[in-house]
Amino acid sequence: MQNLTHIQDVKMYIESFLQPQGLNTYAWENTKQTAMEVWECHLKNRPVRRNLNFLCKEFYQMIRKPNGEYIVPRSSFRTM
């Protein structure tokens, strides 16, 4: 899954991440939903208009392309 240009591919990519131990299901589903929103903005070439500061490293991995490149400017969020 090297080229994420379709929303279905992105959904499969995000679903491939494992829920971190200690993070409840509600928080995990919110994290994945936010990652999907960020990807949708990226695919539609629109700016992300929400806070992207999360407390799990998996979120930051989700908003990266498989090659490691972030889909939003790194200056728009803090990393862990």
N, C-alpha and C. Protein backbone atom coordinates (compact mmCIF):
# COMPACT_ATOMS: atom_id res chain seq x y z
N MET A 1 0.85 -1.18 0.00
CA MET A 1 0.00 0.00 0.00
C MET A 1 0.89 1.24 0.00
N GLN A 2 1.55 1.48 -1.10
CA GLN A 2 2.52 2.56 -1.19
C GLN A 2 1.89 3.89 -1.58
N ASN A 3 0.82 3.86 -2.37
CA ASN A 3 0.23 5.07 -2.90
C ASN A 3 -1.18 5.27 -2.33
N LEU A 4 -1.34 6.19 -1.43
CA LEU A 4 -2.63 6.44 -0.80
C LEU A 4 -3.31 7.63 -1.47
N THR A 5 -4.05 7.36 -2.52
CA THR A 5 -4.72 8.43 -3.26
C THR A 5 -6.24 8.28 -3.24
N HIS A 6 -6.74 7.18 -2.68
CA HIS A 6 -8.17 6.95 -2.59
C HIS A 6 -8.56 6.75 -1.12
N ILE A 7 -9.71 7.25 -0.77
CA ILE A 7 -10.15 7.23 0.63
C ILE A 7 -10.25 5.80 1.16
N GLN A 8 -10.63 4.84 0.33
CA GLN A 8 -10.73 3.44 0.79
C GLN A 8 -9.35 2.90 1.17
N ASP A 9 -8.33 3.27 0.40
CA ASP A 9 -6.96 2.85 0.73
C ASP A 9 -6.51 3.47 2.05
N VAL A 10 -6.87 4.73 2.24
CA VAL A 10 -6.52 5.43 3.48
C VAL A 10 -7.21 4.75 4.67
N LYS A 11 -8.48 4.40 4.50
CA LYS A 11 -9.22 3.74 5.57
C LYS A 11 -8.54 2.43 5.97
N MET A 12 -8.14 1.65 4.98
CA MET A 12 -7.45 0.38 5.27
C MET A 12 -6.12 0.65 5.97
N TYR A 13 -5.42 1.68 5.54
CA TYR A 13 -4.14 2.05 6.15
C TYR A 13 -4.34 2.40 7.62
N ILE A 14 -5.33 3.25 7.91
CA ILE A 14 -5.59 3.67 9.28
C ILE A 14 -6.05 2.48 10.13
N GLU A 15 -6.88 1.64 9.58
CA GLU A 15 -7.36 0.46 10.31
C GLU A 15 -6.25 -0.55 10.59
N SER A 16 -5.13 -0.44 9.90
CA SER A 16 -4.02 -1.38 10.11
C SER A 16 -3.26 -1.11 11.41
N PHE A 17 -3.47 0.06 12.01
CA PHE A 17 -2.79 0.39 13.25
C PHE A 17 -3.49 -0.27 14.43
N LEU A 18 -2.70 -0.77 15.37
CA LEU A 18 -3.25 -1.42 16.55
C LEU A 18 -3.56 -0.39 17.63
N GLN A 19 -4.65 -0.62 18.34
CA GLN A 19 -5.04 0.26 19.44
C GLN A 19 -3.99 0.17 20.54
N PRO A 20 -3.46 1.31 20.95
CA PRO A 20 -2.44 1.29 22.01
C PRO A 20 -3.03 0.78 23.34
N GLN A 21 -2.21 0.06 24.04
CA GLN A 21 -2.62 -0.42 25.35
C GLN A 21 -2.84 0.78 26.27
N GLY A 22 -3.93 0.77 27.00
CA GLY A 22 -4.22 1.86 27.92
C GLY A 22 -5.09 2.96 27.33
N LEU A 23 -5.31 2.92 26.02
CA LEU A 23 -6.17 3.91 25.37
C LEU A 23 -7.54 3.27 25.17
N ASN A 24 -8.59 3.89 25.73
CA ASN A 24 -9.91 3.26 25.65
C ASN A 24 -10.44 3.30 24.22
N THR A 25 -11.43 2.47 23.96
CA THR A 25 -11.98 2.31 22.61
C THR A 25 -12.54 3.61 22.06
N TYR A 26 -13.23 4.37 22.89
CA TYR A 26 -13.79 5.65 22.45
C TYR A 26 -12.69 6.60 21.96
N ALA A 27 -11.64 6.74 22.74
CA ALA A 27 -10.52 7.61 22.37
C ALA A 27 -9.85 7.12 21.09
N TRP A 28 -9.72 5.80 20.96
CA TRP A 28 -9.08 5.22 19.78
C TRP A 28 -9.92 5.49 18.53
N GLU A 29 -11.23 5.32 18.63
CA GLU A 29 -12.10 5.59 17.48
C GLU A 29 -12.06 7.07 17.10
N ASN A 30 -12.01 7.95 18.08
CA ASN A 30 -11.87 9.39 17.80
C ASN A 30 -10.54 9.70 17.12
N THR A 31 -9.50 9.05 17.56
CA THR A 31 -8.18 9.24 16.97
C THR A 31 -8.19 8.84 15.50
N LYS A 32 -8.76 7.68 15.22
CA LYS A 32 -8.82 7.20 13.83
C LYS A 32 -9.70 8.11 12.98
N GLN A 33 -10.80 8.58 13.54
CA GLN A 33 -11.70 9.48 12.80
C GLN A 33 -10.99 10.79 12.46
N THR A 34 -10.24 11.31 13.40
CA THR A 34 -9.49 12.55 13.14
C THR A 34 -8.44 12.33 12.06
N ALA A 35 -7.75 11.20 12.12
CA ALA A 35 -6.76 10.89 11.08
C ALA A 35 -7.43 10.81 9.71
N MET A 36 -8.63 10.22 9.66
CA MET A 36 -9.37 10.16 8.39
C MET A 36 -9.70 11.57 7.90
N GLU A 37 -10.12 12.44 8.79
CA GLU A 37 -10.44 13.82 8.41
C GLU A 37 -9.22 14.53 7.85
N VAL A 38 -8.07 14.30 8.47
CA VAL A 38 -6.83 14.92 7.99
C VAL A 38 -6.50 14.40 6.59
N TRP A 39 -6.63 13.10 6.41
CA TRP A 39 -6.37 12.51 5.08
C TRP A 39 -7.35 13.04 4.04
N GLU A 40 -8.62 13.17 4.40
CA GLU A 40 -9.61 13.70 3.46
C GLU A 40 -9.21 15.10 3.01
N CYS A 41 -8.79 15.93 3.95
CA CYS A 41 -8.32 17.28 3.59
C CYS A 41 -7.12 17.18 2.65
N HIS A 42 -6.21 16.30 2.96
CA HIS A 42 -5.02 16.14 2.13
C HIS A 42 -5.41 15.72 0.71
N LEU A 43 -6.28 14.74 0.59
CA LEU A 43 -6.67 14.24 -0.73
C LEU A 43 -7.46 15.27 -1.52
N LYS A 44 -8.16 16.16 -0.83
CA LYS A 44 -8.95 17.21 -1.50
C LYS A 44 -8.18 18.52 -1.60
N ASN A 45 -6.92 18.49 -1.17
CA ASN A 45 -6.05 19.67 -1.22
C ASN A 45 -6.64 20.85 -0.46
N ARG A 46 -7.19 20.54 0.73
CA ARG A 46 -7.76 21.56 1.60
C ARG A 46 -6.94 21.64 2.88
N PRO A 47 -6.90 22.81 3.51
CA PRO A 47 -6.16 22.91 4.78
C PRO A 47 -6.90 22.19 5.92
N VAL A 48 -6.14 21.72 6.88
CA VAL A 48 -6.71 21.11 8.08
C VAL A 48 -7.01 22.24 9.05
N ARG A 49 -8.22 22.27 9.57
CA ARG A 49 -8.62 23.40 10.42
C ARG A 49 -8.91 22.96 11.86
N ARG A 50 -8.18 22.00 12.34
CA ARG A 50 -8.41 21.56 13.72
C ARG A 50 -7.09 21.30 14.41
N ASN A 51 -7.16 21.19 15.71
CA ASN A 51 -5.99 20.92 16.53
C ASN A 51 -5.53 19.48 16.27
N LEU A 52 -4.25 19.29 16.07
CA LEU A 52 -3.72 17.95 15.79
C LEU A 52 -2.79 17.46 16.88
N ASN A 53 -2.94 17.95 18.08
CA ASN A 53 -2.08 17.53 19.18
C ASN A 53 -2.71 16.36 19.93
N PHE A 54 -2.18 15.17 19.70
CA PHE A 54 -2.71 13.96 20.31
C PHE A 54 -1.68 13.33 21.21
N LEU A 55 -2.14 12.47 22.09
CA LEU A 55 -1.25 11.88 23.08
C LEU A 55 -0.84 10.44 22.75
N CYS A 56 -1.05 10.01 21.51
CA CYS A 56 -0.56 8.67 21.16
C CYS A 56 0.24 8.76 19.86
N LYS A 57 1.36 8.08 19.85
CA LYS A 57 2.25 8.14 18.69
C LYS A 57 1.62 7.55 17.44
N GLU A 58 0.65 6.67 17.61
CA GLU A 58 -0.01 6.06 16.47
C GLU A 58 -0.73 7.10 15.60
N PHE A 59 -1.28 8.13 16.23
CA PHE A 59 -1.94 9.18 15.45
C PHE A 59 -0.94 9.82 14.50
N TYR A 60 0.23 10.14 14.99
CA TYR A 60 1.23 10.80 14.16
C TYR A 60 1.72 9.88 13.05
N GLN A 61 1.70 8.58 13.30
CA GLN A 61 2.05 7.62 12.25
C GLN A 61 0.95 7.56 11.20
N MET A 62 -0.30 7.68 11.63
CA MET A 62 -1.43 7.63 10.70
C MET A 62 -1.44 8.80 9.73
N ILE A 63 -0.92 9.95 10.14
CA ILE A 63 -0.94 11.11 9.26
C ILE A 63 0.37 11.26 8.49
N ARG A 64 1.01 10.13 8.28
CA ARG A 64 2.20 10.07 7.45
C ARG A 64 1.92 9.12 6.30
N LYS A 65 2.53 9.41 5.18
CA LYS A 65 2.47 8.48 4.06
C LYS A 65 3.33 7.27 4.42
N PRO A 66 3.12 6.14 3.76
CA PRO A 66 3.94 4.96 4.06
C PRO A 66 5.44 5.22 3.93
N ASN A 67 5.85 6.22 3.14
CA ASN A 67 7.27 6.54 3.01
C ASN A 67 7.79 7.41 4.16
N GLY A 68 6.88 7.76 5.12
CA GLY A 68 7.29 8.54 6.28
C GLY A 68 7.03 10.03 6.19
N GLU A 69 6.62 10.51 5.03
CA GLU A 69 6.37 11.93 4.84
C GLU A 69 5.03 12.32 5.47
N TYR A 70 5.04 13.37 6.30
CA TYR A 70 3.80 13.86 6.89
C TYR A 70 2.92 14.48 5.82
N ILE A 71 1.60 14.34 5.98
CA ILE A 71 0.66 14.91 5.00
C ILE A 71 0.23 16.32 5.38
N VAL A 72 0.66 16.79 6.52
CA VAL A 72 0.44 18.18 6.95
C VAL A 72 1.80 18.72 7.40
N PRO A 73 1.99 20.02 7.35
CA PRO A 73 3.27 20.58 7.78
C PRO A 73 3.55 20.21 9.25
N ARG A 74 4.76 19.80 9.54
CA ARG A 74 5.12 19.44 10.91
C ARG A 74 4.96 20.60 11.86
N SER A 75 5.02 21.80 11.37
CA SER A 75 4.89 22.97 12.23
C SER A 75 3.45 23.14 12.73
N SER A 76 2.51 22.39 12.16
CA SER A 76 1.10 22.54 12.56
C SER A 76 0.71 21.65 13.73
N PHE A 77 1.66 20.89 14.26
CA PHE A 77 1.36 20.05 15.42
C PHE A 77 2.65 19.78 16.19
N ARG A 78 2.46 19.37 17.43
CA ARG A 78 3.63 18.99 18.23
C ARG A 78 3.76 17.46 18.15
N THR A 79 4.96 16.98 18.22
CA THR A 79 5.17 15.54 18.19
C THR A 79 5.54 15.04 19.56
N MET A 80 5.45 13.77 19.72
CA MET A 80 5.74 13.14 21.01
C MET A 80 7.22 12.86 21.14
